[in-house]
PDB file of all heavy atoms in Angstrom:
ATOM      1  N   ASP A   1     271.432  66.452  73.018  1.00  0.00           N
ATOM      2  CA  ASP A   1     270.505  67.478  73.489  1.00  0.00           C
ATOM      3  C   ASP A   1     269.665  66.931  74.635  1.00  0.00           C
ATOM      4  O   ASP A   1     269.295  65.753  74.640  1.00  0.00           O
ATOM      5  CB  ASP A   1     269.590  67.919  72.343  1.00  0.00           C
ATOM      6  CG  ASP A   1     268.797  69.167  72.709  1.00  0.00           C
ATOM      7  OD1 ASP A   1     267.711  68.996  73.315  1.00  0.00           O
ATOM      8  OD2 ASP A   1     269.245  70.279  72.407  1.00  0.00           O
ATOM      9  N   GLU A   2     269.378  67.764  75.619  1.00  0.00           N
ATOM     10  CA  GLU A   2     268.625  67.301  76.784  1.00  0.00           C
ATOM     11  C   GLU A   2     267.232  66.807  76.423  1.00  0.00           C
ATOM     12  O   GLU A   2     266.611  66.068  77.182  1.00  0.00           O
ATOM     13  CB  GLU A   2     268.550  68.401  77.843  1.00  0.00           C
ATOM     14  CG  GLU A   2     269.890  68.671  78.511  1.00  0.00           C
ATOM     15  CD  GLU A   2     269.762  69.321  79.870  1.00  0.00           C
ATOM     16  OE1 GLU A   2     268.621  69.633  80.273  1.00  0.00           O
ATOM     17  OE2 GLU A   2     270.802  69.521  80.509  1.00  0.00           O
ATOM     18  N   SER A   3     266.742  67.209  75.254  1.00  0.00           N
ATOM     19  CA  SER A   3     265.431  66.723  74.808  1.00  0.00           C
ATOM     20  C   SER A   3     265.443  65.226  74.529  1.00  0.00           C
ATOM     21  O   SER A   3     264.389  64.598  74.431  1.00  0.00           O
ATOM     22  CB  SER A   3     264.985  67.475  73.553  1.00  0.00           C
ATOM     23  OG  SER A   3     265.857  67.222  72.461  1.00  0.00           O
ATOM     24  N   THR A   4     266.662  64.651  74.422  1.00  0.00           N
ATOM     25  CA  THR A   4     266.766  63.213  74.142  1.00  0.00           C
ATOM     26  C   THR A   4     266.783  62.376  75.415  1.00  0.00           C
ATOM     27  O   THR A   4     266.817  61.144  75.328  1.00  0.00           O
ATOM     28  CB  THR A   4     268.044  62.909  73.333  1.00  0.00           C
ATOM     29  OG1 THR A   4     269.209  63.201  74.136  1.00  0.00           O
ATOM     30  CG2 THR A   4     268.089  63.730  72.066  1.00  0.00           C
ATOM     31  N   ILE A   5     266.770  63.015  76.568  1.00  0.00           N
ATOM     32  CA  ILE A   5     266.687  62.241  77.815  1.00  0.00           C
ATOM     33  C   ILE A   5     265.361  61.511  77.838  1.00  0.00           C
ATOM     34  O   ILE A   5     264.296  62.135  77.686  1.00  0.00           O
ATOM     35  CB  ILE A   5     266.823  63.159  79.048  1.00  0.00           C
ATOM     36  CG1 ILE A   5     268.206  63.807  79.075  1.00  0.00           C
ATOM     37  CG2 ILE A   5     266.580  62.379  80.334  1.00  0.00           C
ATOM     38  CD1 ILE A   5     268.412  64.785  80.216  1.00  0.00           C
ATOM     39  N   PRO A   6     265.370  60.208  78.017  1.00  0.00           N
ATOM     40  CA  PRO A   6     264.128  59.441  77.936  1.00  0.00           C
ATOM     41  C   PRO A   6     263.217  59.704  79.137  1.00  0.00           C
ATOM     42  O   PRO A   6     263.676  60.141  80.195  1.00  0.00           O
ATOM     43  CB  PRO A   6     264.610  57.993  77.927  1.00  0.00           C
ATOM     44  CG  PRO A   6     265.909  58.035  78.670  1.00  0.00           C
ATOM     45  CD  PRO A   6     266.537  59.345  78.287  1.00  0.00           C
ATOM     46  N   PRO A   7     261.928  59.439  78.982  1.00  0.00           N
ATOM     47  CA  PRO A   7     261.017  59.562  80.121  1.00  0.00           C
ATOM     48  C   PRO A   7     261.193  58.384  81.078  1.00  0.00           C
ATOM     49  O   PRO A   7     261.918  57.430  80.780  1.00  0.00           O
ATOM     50  CB  PRO A   7     259.637  59.535  79.455  1.00  0.00           C
ATOM     51  CG  PRO A   7     259.847  58.709  78.217  1.00  0.00           C
ATOM     52  CD  PRO A   7     261.238  59.024  77.742  1.00  0.00           C
ATOM     53  N   GLY A   8     260.538  58.469  82.215  1.00  0.00           N
ATOM     54  CA  GLY A   8     260.541  57.346  83.146  1.00  0.00           C
ATOM     55  C   GLY A   8     261.749  57.298  84.054  1.00  0.00           C
ATOM     56  O   GLY A   8     262.524  58.266  84.144  1.00  0.00           O
ATOM     57  N   PRO A   9     261.954  56.165  84.721  1.00  0.00           N
ATOM     58  CA  PRO A   9     263.027  56.033  85.720  1.00  0.00           C
ATOM     59  C   PRO A   9     264.417  56.300  85.166  1.00  0.00           C
ATOM     60  O   PRO A   9     265.246  56.903  85.846  1.00  0.00           O
ATOM     61  CB  PRO A   9     262.891  54.575  86.187  1.00  0.00           C
ATOM     62  CG  PRO A   9     261.458  54.233  85.933  1.00  0.00           C
ATOM     63  CD  PRO A   9     261.084  54.961  84.684  1.00  0.00           C
ATOM     64  N   LYS A  10     264.693  55.863  83.927  1.00  0.00           N
ATOM     65  CA  LYS A  10     266.030  56.085  83.365  1.00  0.00           C
ATOM     66  C   LYS A  10     266.291  57.574  83.178  1.00  0.00           C
ATOM     67  O   LYS A  10     267.379  58.084  83.509  1.00  0.00           O
ATOM     68  CB  LYS A  10     266.169  55.358  82.031  1.00  0.00           C
ATOM     69  CG  LYS A  10     267.555  55.466  81.377  1.00  0.00           C
ATOM     70  CD  LYS A  10     268.626  54.779  82.216  1.00  0.00           C
ATOM     71  CE  LYS A  10     269.986  54.795  81.524  1.00  0.00           C
ATOM     72  NZ  LYS A  10     270.047  53.873  80.369  1.00  0.00           N
ATOM     73  N   GLY A  11     265.301  58.290  82.688  1.00  0.00           N
ATOM     74  CA  GLY A  11     265.467  59.721  82.512  1.00  0.00           C
ATOM     75  C   GLY A  11     265.649  60.448  83.822  1.00  0.00           C
ATOM     76  O   GLY A  11     266.469  61.377  83.922  1.00  0.00           O
ATOM     77  N   LEU A  12     264.917  60.037  84.838  1.00  0.00           N
ATOM     78  CA  LEU A  12     265.066  60.647  86.160  1.00  0.00           C
ATOM     79  C   LEU A  12     266.469  60.395  86.715  1.00  0.00           C
ATOM     80  O   LEU A  12     267.062  61.274  87.340  1.00  0.00           O
ATOM     81  CB  LEU A  12     264.009  60.092  87.121  1.00  0.00           C
ATOM     82  CG  LEU A  12     262.568  60.510  86.842  1.00  0.00           C
ATOM     83  CD1 LEU A  12     261.611  59.775  87.795  1.00  0.00           C
ATOM     84  CD2 LEU A  12     262.395  62.022  86.991  1.00  0.00           C
ATOM     85  N   ALA A  13     267.006  59.185  86.474  1.00  0.00           N
ATOM     86  CA  ALA A  13     268.357  58.855  86.935  1.00  0.00           C
ATOM     87  C   ALA A  13     269.388  59.738  86.235  1.00  0.00           C
ATOM     88  O   ALA A  13     270.332  60.234  86.869  1.00  0.00           O
ATOM     89  CB  ALA A  13     268.651  57.386  86.679  1.00  0.00           C
ATOM     90  N   ILE A  14     269.236  59.963  84.943  1.00  0.00           N
ATOM     91  CA  ILE A  14     270.158  60.806  84.184  1.00  0.00           C
ATOM     92  C   ILE A  14     270.145  62.230  84.732  1.00  0.00           C
ATOM     93  O   ILE A  14     271.195  62.841  84.970  1.00  0.00           O
ATOM     94  CB  ILE A  14     269.784  60.794  82.686  1.00  0.00           C
ATOM     95  CG1 ILE A  14     270.037  59.407  82.090  1.00  0.00           C
ATOM     96  CG2 ILE A  14     270.569  61.868  81.925  1.00  0.00           C
ATOM     97  CD1 ILE A  14     269.425  59.204  80.722  1.00  0.00           C
ATOM     98  N   LYS A  15     268.961  62.768  84.944  1.00  0.00           N
ATOM     99  CA  LYS A  15     268.836  64.142  85.449  1.00  0.00           C
ATOM    100  C   LYS A  15     269.407  64.267  86.859  1.00  0.00           C
ATOM    101  O   LYS A  15     270.072  65.251  87.190  1.00  0.00           O
ATOM    102  CB  LYS A  15     267.372  64.565  85.438  1.00  0.00           C
ATOM    103  CG  LYS A  15     266.792  64.719  84.041  1.00  0.00           C
ATOM    104  CD  LYS A  15     265.308  65.049  84.090  1.00  0.00           C
ATOM    105  CE  LYS A  15     264.717  65.163  82.681  1.00  0.00           C
ATOM    106  NZ  LYS A  15     263.263  65.437  82.712  1.00  0.00           N
ATOM    107  N   GLU A  16     269.163  63.245  87.681  1.00  0.00           N
ATOM    108  CA  GLU A  16     269.698  63.285  89.039  1.00  0.00           C
ATOM    109  C   GLU A  16     271.214  63.146  89.019  1.00  0.00           C
ATOM    110  O   GLU A  16     271.917  63.788  89.808  1.00  0.00           O
ATOM    111  CB  GLU A  16     269.095  62.163  89.883  1.00  0.00           C
ATOM    112  CG  GLU A  16     269.540  62.143  91.339  1.00  0.00           C
ATOM    113  CD  GLU A  16     269.193  63.405  92.113  1.00  0.00           C
ATOM    114  OE1 GLU A  16     268.242  64.121  91.722  1.00  0.00           O
ATOM    115  OE2 GLU A  16     269.866  63.676  93.125  1.00  0.00           O
ATOM    116  N   GLY A  17     271.735  62.337  88.104  1.00  0.00           N
ATOM    117  CA  GLY A  17     273.181  62.190  87.983  1.00  0.00           C
ATOM    118  C   GLY A  17     273.847  63.502  87.634  1.00  0.00           C
ATOM    119  O   GLY A  17     274.894  63.853  88.193  1.00  0.00           O
ATOM    120  N   LYS A  18     273.237  64.266  86.741  1.00  0.00           N
ATOM    121  CA  LYS A  18     273.790  65.574  86.386  1.00  0.00           C
ATOM    122  C   LYS A  18     273.797  66.512  87.587  1.00  0.00           C
ATOM    123  O   LYS A  18     274.779  67.233  87.829  1.00  0.00           O
ATOM    124  CB  LYS A  18     272.993  66.199  85.245  1.00  0.00           C
ATOM    125  CG  LYS A  18     273.563  67.542  84.800  1.00  0.00           C
ATOM    126  CD  LYS A  18     272.800  68.131  83.624  1.00  0.00           C
ATOM    127  CE  LYS A  18     273.421  69.450  83.170  1.00  0.00           C
ATOM    128  NZ  LYS A  18     272.710  70.040  82.022  1.00  0.00           N
ATOM    129  N   LYS A  19     272.725  66.490  88.367  1.00  0.00           N
ATOM    130  CA  LYS A  19     272.667  67.337  89.562  1.00  0.00           C
ATOM    131  C   LYS A  19     273.757  66.959  90.558  1.00  0.00           C
ATOM    132  O   LYS A  19     274.390  67.826  91.168  1.00  0.00           O
ATOM    133  CB  LYS A  19     271.290  67.220  90.221  1.00  0.00           C
ATOM    134  CG  LYS A  19     270.158  67.845  89.432  1.00  0.00           C
ATOM    135  CD  LYS A  19     268.825  67.630  90.144  1.00  0.00           C
ATOM    136  CE  LYS A  19     267.663  68.199  89.345  1.00  0.00           C
ATOM    137  NZ  LYS A  19     266.355  67.925  90.005  1.00  0.00           N
ATOM    138  N   LEU A  20     273.987  65.667  90.726  1.00  0.00           N
ATOM    139  CA  LEU A  20     275.013  65.208  91.666  1.00  0.00           C
ATOM    140  C   LEU A  20     276.401  65.673  91.242  1.00  0.00           C
ATOM    141  O   LEU A  20     277.243  66.009  92.085  1.00  0.00           O
ATOM    142  CB  LEU A  20     274.989  63.683  91.761  1.00  0.00           C
ATOM    143  CG  LEU A  20     273.774  63.062  92.454  1.00  0.00           C
ATOM    144  CD1 LEU A  20     273.770  61.555  92.259  1.00  0.00           C
ATOM    145  CD2 LEU A  20     273.754  63.402  93.937  1.00  0.00           C
ATOM    146  N   LEU A  21     276.651  65.717  89.959  1.00  0.00           N
ATOM    147  CA  LEU A  21     277.964  66.092  89.456  1.00  0.00           C
ATOM    148  C   LEU A  21     278.173  67.598  89.414  1.00  0.00           C
ATOM    149  O   LEU A  21     279.311  68.071  89.481  1.00  0.00           O
ATOM    150  CB  LEU A  21     278.170  65.497  88.065  1.00  0.00           C
ATOM    151  CG  LEU A  21     278.282  63.966  88.035  1.00  0.00           C
ATOM    152  CD1 LEU A  21     278.132  63.442  86.612  1.00  0.00           C
ATOM    153  CD2 LEU A  21     279.590  63.488  88.640  1.00  0.00           C
ATOM    154  N   THR A  22     277.088  68.351  89.306  1.00  0.00           N
ATOM    155  CA  THR A  22     277.207  69.816  89.250  1.00  0.00           C
ATOM    156  C   THR A  22     277.002  70.474  90.613  1.00  0.00           C
ATOM    157  O   THR A  22     277.414  71.621  90.816  1.00  0.00           O
ATOM    158  CB  THR A  22     276.200  70.400  88.245  1.00  0.00           C
ATOM    159  OG1 THR A  22     274.879  69.993  88.587  1.00  0.00           O
ATOM    160  CG2 THR A  22     276.515  69.914  86.832  1.00  0.00           C
ATOM    161  N   GLU A  23     276.365  69.759  91.544  1.00  0.00           N
ATOM    162  CA  GLU A  23     276.127  70.272  92.902  1.00  0.00           C
ATOM    163  C   GLU A  23     276.642  69.260  93.914  1.00  0.00           C
ATOM    164  O   GLU A  23     275.988  68.947  94.903  1.00  0.00           O
ATOM    165  CB  GLU A  23     274.628  70.525  93.099  1.00  0.00           C
ATOM    166  CG  GLU A  23     274.027  71.490  92.084  1.00  0.00           C
ATOM    167  CD  GLU A  23     272.507  71.532  92.135  1.00  0.00           C
ATOM    168  OE1 GLU A  23     271.912  70.908  93.041  1.00  0.00           O
ATOM    169  OE2 GLU A  23     271.904  72.185  91.264  1.00  0.00           O
ATOM    170  N   THR A  24     277.837  68.749  93.653  1.00  0.00           N
ATOM    171  CA  THR A  24     278.378  67.622  94.410  1.00  0.00           C
ATOM    172  C   THR A  24     278.546  67.943  95.885  1.00  0.00           C
ATOM    173  O   THR A  24     278.173  67.142  96.761  1.00  0.00           O
ATOM    174  CB  THR A  24     279.726  67.185  93.804  1.00  0.00           C
ATOM    175  OG1 THR A  24     279.696  67.326  92.384  1.00  0.00           O
ATOM    176  CG2 THR A  24     280.009  65.736  94.165  1.00  0.00           C
ATOM    177  N   HIS A  25     279.140  69.087  96.175  1.00  0.00           N
ATOM    178  CA  HIS A  25     279.387  69.482  97.572  1.00  0.00           C
ATOM    179  C   HIS A  25     278.077  69.578  98.344  1.00  0.00           C
ATOM    180  O   HIS A  25     277.991  69.131  99.497  1.00  0.00           O
ATOM    181  CB  HIS A  25     280.128  70.819  97.593  1.00  0.00           C
ATOM    182  CG  HIS A  25     280.292  71.390  98.965  1.00  0.00           C
ATOM    183  ND1 HIS A  25     281.184  70.890  99.882  1.00  0.00           N
ATOM    184  CD2 HIS A  25     279.659  72.425  99.597  1.00  0.00           C
ATOM    185  CE1 HIS A  25     281.105  71.579 101.002  1.00  0.00           C
ATOM    186  NE2 HIS A  25     280.191  72.518 100.855  1.00  0.00           N
ATOM    187  N   GLN A  26     277.062  70.127  97.740  1.00  0.00           N
ATOM    188  CA  GLN A  26     275.773  70.323  98.402  1.00  0.00           C
ATOM    189  C   GLN A  26     275.009  69.010  98.563  1.00  0.00           C
ATOM    190  O   GLN A  26     274.425  68.742  99.622  1.00  0.00           O
ATOM    191  CB  GLN A  26     274.919  71.305  97.579  1.00  0.00           C
ATOM    192  CG  GLN A  26     273.485  71.463  98.069  1.00  0.00           C
ATOM    193  CD  GLN A  26     272.649  72.292  97.107  1.00  0.00           C
ATOM    194  OE1 GLN A  26     273.179  73.018  96.261  1.00  0.00           O
ATOM    195  NE2 GLN A  26     271.341  72.181  97.219  1.00  0.00           N
ATOM    196  N   ARG A  27     275.027  68.177  97.526  1.00  0.00           N
ATOM    197  CA  ARG A  27     274.179  66.989  97.506  1.00  0.00           C
ATOM    198  C   ARG A  27     274.826  65.755  98.128  1.00  0.00           C
ATOM    199  O   ARG A  27     274.126  64.811  98.488  1.00  0.00           O
ATOM    200  CB  ARG A  27     273.743  66.683  96.075  1.00  0.00           C
ATOM    201  CG  ARG A  27     272.789  67.737  95.502  1.00  0.00           C
ATOM    202  CD  ARG A  27     272.407  67.452  94.065  1.00  0.00           C
ATOM    203  NE  ARG A  27     271.414  68.416  93.608  1.00  0.00           N
ATOM    204  CZ  ARG A  27     270.099  68.272  93.748  1.00  0.00           C
ATOM    205  NH1 ARG A  27     269.612  67.187  94.316  1.00  0.00           N
ATOM    206  NH2 ARG A  27     269.269  69.201  93.309  1.00  0.00           N
ATOM    207  N   LEU A  28     276.154  65.734  98.215  1.00  0.00           N
ATOM    208  CA  LEU A  28     276.837  64.559  98.763  1.00  0.00           C
ATOM    209  C   LEU A  28     277.814  64.974  99.869  1.00  0.00           C
ATOM    210  O   LEU A  28     279.010  64.706  99.799  1.00  0.00           O
ATOM    211  CB  LEU A  28     277.579  63.816  97.647  1.00  0.00           C
ATOM    212  CG  LEU A  28     276.701  63.169  96.573  1.00  0.00           C
ATOM    213  CD1 LEU A  28     277.545  62.689  95.403  1.00  0.00           C
ATOM    214  CD2 LEU A  28     275.893  62.017  97.163  1.00  0.00           C
ATOM    215  N   PRO A  29     277.306  65.615 100.915  1.00  0.00           N
ATOM    216  CA  PRO A  29     278.197  66.128 101.962  1.00  0.00           C
ATOM    217  C   PRO A  29     278.965  65.041 102.702  1.00  0.00           C
ATOM    218  O   PRO A  29     280.033  65.316 103.265  1.00  0.00           O
ATOM    219  CB  PRO A  29     277.236  66.872 102.899  1.00  0.00           C
ATOM    220  CG  PRO A  29     275.901  66.222 102.672  1.00  0.00           C
ATOM    221  CD  PRO A  29     275.887  65.886 101.216  1.00  0.00           C
ATOM    222  N   ASN A  30     278.455  63.811 102.700  1.00  0.00           N
ATOM    223  CA  ASN A  30     279.157  62.730 103.390  1.00  0.00           C
ATOM    224  C   ASN A  30     280.311  62.165 102.566  1.00  0.00           C
ATOM    225  O   ASN A  30     281.129  61.405 103.078  1.00  0.00           O
ATOM    226  CB  ASN A  30     278.184  61.606 103.735  1.00  0.00           C
ATOM    227  CG  ASN A  30     277.147  62.022 104.761  1.00  0.00           C
ATOM    228  OD1 ASN A  30     277.421  62.844 105.631  1.00  0.00           O
ATOM    229  ND2 ASN A  30     275.952  61.472 104.666  1.00  0.00           N
ATOM    230  N   ASN A  31     280.355  62.533 101.298  1.00  0.00           N
ATOM    231  CA  ASN A  31     281.390  61.997 100.415  1.00  0.00           C
ATOM    232  C   ASN A  31     282.358  63.056  99.905  1.00  0.00           C
ATOM    233  O   ASN A  31     283.402  62.726  99.350  1.00  0.00           O
ATOM    234  CB  ASN A  31     280.743  61.300  99.216  1.00  0.00           C
ATOM    235  CG  ASN A  31     279.876  60.127  99.621  1.00  0.00           C
ATOM    236  OD1 ASN A  31     278.673  60.287  99.837  1.00  0.00           O
ATOM    237  ND2 ASN A  31     280.473  58.965  99.772  1.00  0.00           N
ATOM    238  N   VAL A  32     282.016  64.320 100.081  1.00  0.00           N
ATOM    239  CA  VAL A  32     282.868  65.414  99.620  1.00  0.00           C
ATOM    240  C   VAL A  32     283.519  66.082 100.819  1.00  0.00           C
ATOM    241  O   VAL A  32     282.836  66.540 101.736  1.00  0.00           O
ATOM    242  CB  VAL A  32     282.057  66.453  98.809  1.00  0.00           C
ATOM    243  CG1 VAL A  32     282.939  67.626  98.408  1.00  0.00           C
ATOM    244  CG2 VAL A  32     281.454  65.800  97.572  1.00  0.00           C
ATOM    245  N   GLY A  33     284.856  66.130 100.815  1.00  0.00           N
ATOM    246  CA  GLY A  33     285.579  66.688 101.951  1.00  0.00           C
ATOM    247  C   GLY A  33     286.147  68.063 101.698  1.00  0.00           C
ATOM    248  O   GLY A  33     286.988  68.539 102.465  1.00  0.00           O
ATOM    249  N   ASN A  34     285.713  68.713 100.622  1.00  0.00           N
ATOM    250  CA  ASN A  34     286.192  70.071 100.341  1.00  0.00           C
ATOM    251  C   ASN A  34     285.057  70.908  99.755  1.00  0.00           C
ATOM    252  O   ASN A  34     283.891  70.533  99.881  1.00  0.00           O
ATOM    253  CB  ASN A  34     287.414  70.035  99.402  1.00  0.00           C
ATOM    254  CG  ASN A  34     287.140  69.312  98.096  1.00  0.00           C
ATOM    255  OD1 ASN A  34     286.003  69.208  97.645  1.00  0.00           O
ATOM    256  ND2 ASN A  34     288.189  68.815  97.468  1.00  0.00           N
ATOM    257  N   GLY A  35     285.380  72.006  99.113  1.00  0.00           N
ATOM    258  CA  GLY A  35     284.350  72.900  98.598  1.00  0.00           C
ATOM    259  C   GLY A  35     284.105  72.773  97.112  1.00  0.00           C
ATOM    260  O   GLY A  35     283.470  73.653  96.518  1.00  0.00           O
ATOM    261  N   LEU A  36     284.577  71.702  96.504  1.00  0.00           N
ATOM    262  CA  LEU A  36     284.488  71.560  95.057  1.00  0.00           C
ATOM    263  C   LEU A  36     283.264  70.767  94.613  1.00  0.00           C
ATOM    264  O   LEU A  36     282.681  70.000  95.379  1.00  0.00           O
ATOM    265  CB  LEU A  36     285.743  70.875  94.524  1.00  0.00           C
ATOM    266  CG  LEU A  36     287.081  71.544  94.817  1.00  0.00           C
ATOM    267  CD1 LEU A  36     288.213  70.739  94.188  1.00  0.00           C
ATOM    268  CD2 LEU A  36     287.096  72.983  94.335  1.00  0.00           C
ATOM    269  N   ASN A  37     282.901  70.947  93.353  1.00  0.00           N
ATOM    270  CA  ASN A  37     281.961  70.089  92.644  1.00  0.00           C
ATOM    271  C   ASN A  37     282.736  69.367  91.549  1.00  0.00           C
ATOM    272  O   ASN A  37     283.819  69.818  91.136  1.00  0.00           O
ATOM    273  CB  ASN A  37     280.840  70.927  92.012  1.00  0.00           C
ATOM    274  CG  ASN A  37     280.023  71.672  93.044  1.00  0.00           C
ATOM    275  OD1 ASN A  37     279.573  71.103  94.035  1.00  0.00           O
ATOM    276  ND2 ASN A  37     279.839  72.962  92.832  1.00  0.00           N
ATOM    277  N   CYS A  38     282.196  68.273  91.057  1.00  0.00           N
ATOM    278  CA  CYS A  38     282.884  67.560  89.979  1.00  0.00           C
ATOM    279  C   CYS A  38     283.085  68.473  88.768  1.00  0.00           C
ATOM    280  O   CYS A  38     284.100  68.402  88.083  1.00  0.00           O
ATOM    281  CB  CYS A  38     282.098  66.319  89.579  1.00  0.00           C
ATOM    282  SG  CYS A  38     281.987  65.078  90.895  1.00  0.00           S
ATOM    283  N   THR A  39     282.111  69.353  88.545  1.00  0.00           N
ATOM    284  CA  THR A  39     282.189  70.251  87.388  1.00  0.00           C
ATOM    285  C   THR A  39     283.097  71.452  87.625  1.00  0.00           C
ATOM    286  O   THR A  39     283.198  72.325  86.767  1.00  0.00           O
ATOM    287  CB  THR A  39     280.785  70.724  86.984  1.00  0.00           C
ATOM    288  OG1 THR A  39     280.101  71.232  88.139  1.00  0.00           O
ATOM    289  CG2 THR A  39     279.984  69.575  86.386  1.00  0.00           C
ATOM    290  N   SER A  40     283.773  71.498  88.764  1.00  0.00           N
ATOM    291  CA  SER A  40     284.805  72.517  88.949  1.00  0.00           C
ATOM    292  C   SER A  40     285.946  72.298  87.950  1.00  0.00           C
ATOM    293  O   SER A  40     286.614  73.248  87.538  1.00  0.00           O
ATOM    294  CB  SER A  40     285.357  72.476  90.373  1.00  0.00           C
ATOM    295  OG  SER A  40     284.362  72.781  91.320  1.00  0.00           O
ATOM    296  N   CYS A  41     286.158  71.046  87.576  1.00  0.00           N
ATOM    297  CA  CYS A  41     287.186  70.710  86.578  1.00  0.00           C
ATOM    298  C   CYS A  41     286.572  70.204  85.274  1.00  0.00           C
ATOM    299  O   CYS A  41     287.054  70.531  84.190  1.00  0.00           O
ATOM    300  CB  CYS A  41     288.139  69.657  87.129  1.00  0.00           C
ATOM    301  SG  CYS A  41     289.101  70.186  88.560  1.00  0.00           S
TER     302      CYS A  41
END
């Protein structure tokens, strides 16, 4: 459950990691060469 994400830097890293994987095309335009996100699959 997301309530178990710890506070502090580790928790921020976890939340940012999820954003990168769900909004990959938008957040990593230099590394994504198509229109997909990791969560497309």
